[in-house]
Amino acid sequence: MTCPERLSVQGPPYDDVVPYAQAIVERFPDRVLWGTDWPHPNLKSHMPDDGALVDFIPRIARTPEQQRKLLVDNPMRLYWAR
């Protein structure tokens, strides 16, 4: 999950993207990762507030278990599992 600023028509706090992102987190809890897309390449009209992007996390991963999978467990398994 990344780039709500690229998908949103409304802009921050990206309310229009929340249902889509929640559906992905709920449908693929063991496969989804989160990222900021920093340094936000190819954006010409605006630069997103990284704090607003972090604030988006608990809105799409609503339980502590979903947040742990999104931010810790899934990246650990993908990048550092042996």
Protein backbone atom coordinates (compact mmCIF):
# COMPACT_ATOMS: atom_id res chain seq x y z
CA MET A 1 0.00 0.00 0.00
CA THR A 2 1.50 3.23 -1.12
CA CYS A 3 0.75 6.45 -2.93
CA PRO A 4 -2.72 7.48 -1.77
CA GLU A 5 -1.68 10.95 -2.95
CA ARG A 6 -1.46 9.61 -6.51
CA LEU A 7 -4.84 7.87 -6.36
CA SER A 8 -6.87 10.48 -4.50
CA VAL A 9 -9.08 12.95 -6.30
CA GLN A 10 -9.82 14.82 -3.07
CA GLY A 11 -6.30 15.08 -1.64
CA PRO A 12 -5.29 14.79 2.01
CA PRO A 13 -6.43 13.04 4.16
CA TYR A 14 -7.19 10.77 1.16
CA ASP A 15 -10.66 9.74 2.34
CA ASP A 16 -11.62 8.62 -1.16
CA VAL A 17 -8.79 6.05 -1.21
CA VAL A 18 -9.47 4.56 2.25
CA PRO A 19 -12.13 1.99 1.20
CA TYR A 20 -9.93 0.67 -1.62
CA ALA A 21 -6.87 0.41 0.62
CA GLN A 22 -8.84 -1.21 3.45
CA ALA A 23 -10.16 -3.83 1.05
CA ILE A 24 -6.63 -4.76 -0.04
CA VAL A 25 -5.33 -4.95 3.55
CA GLU A 26 -8.29 -7.13 4.54
CA ARG A 27 -8.17 -9.36 1.45
CA PHE A 28 -4.41 -9.97 1.45
CA PRO A 29 -3.34 -9.63 5.12
CA ASP A 30 -0.27 -11.85 4.72
CA ARG A 31 0.90 -10.35 1.43
CA VAL A 32 0.49 -6.59 1.68
CA LEU A 33 3.29 -4.11 2.50
CA TRP A 34 3.27 -0.39 3.18
CA GLY A 35 5.62 2.22 1.78
CA THR A 36 5.78 5.99 1.42
CA ASP A 37 7.05 6.03 -2.18
CA TRP A 38 9.64 8.48 -0.88
CA PRO A 39 11.21 10.51 -2.48
CA HIS A 40 7.97 10.67 -4.47
CA PRO A 41 9.41 10.49 -8.00
CA ASN A 42 7.72 12.06 -10.99
CA LEU A 43 5.42 14.33 -9.00
CA LYS A 44 5.34 17.70 -10.68
CA SER A 45 2.33 19.48 -9.19
CA HIS A 46 2.67 18.81 -5.46
CA MET A 47 4.75 17.05 -2.83
CA PRO A 48 2.84 14.99 -0.25
CA ASP A 49 3.29 15.46 3.47
CA ASP A 50 4.96 12.25 4.70
CA GLY A 51 3.25 12.74 8.07
CA ALA A 52 -0.15 12.59 6.35
CA LEU A 53 0.96 9.38 4.64
CA VAL A 54 1.90 7.84 8.00
CA ASP A 55 -1.44 8.98 9.44
CA PHE A 56 -3.08 6.98 6.64
CA ILE A 57 -1.81 3.66 8.07
CA PRO A 58 -4.28 3.15 10.95
CA ARG A 59 -7.11 4.17 8.65
CA ILE A 60 -6.41 1.27 6.28
CA ALA A 61 -4.97 -1.28 8.73
CA ARG A 62 -7.48 -0.83 11.50
CA THR A 63 -6.38 -3.49 13.98
CA PRO A 64 -3.04 -3.93 15.73
CA GLU A 65 -2.71 -7.31 13.99
CA GLN A 66 -3.22 -5.78 10.53
CA GLN A 67 -0.73 -3.03 11.32
CA ARG A 68 1.89 -5.50 12.52
CA LYS A 69 1.52 -7.61 9.37
CA LEU A 70 1.61 -4.55 7.10
CA LEU A 71 4.60 -2.90 8.76
CA VAL A 72 6.62 -5.72 10.38
CA ASP A 73 5.73 -9.33 9.66
CA ASN A 74 5.23 -9.20 5.89
CA PRO A 75 8.32 -7.08 5.14
CA MET A 76 10.42 -9.27 7.43
CA ARG A 77 9.27 -12.40 5.64
CA LEU A 78 9.77 -10.89 2.18
CA TYR A 79 13.14 -9.22 2.68
CA TRP A 80 14.87 -11.10 5.48
CA ALA A 81 13.40 -14.62 5.69
CA ARG A 82 15.90 -17.37 5.12
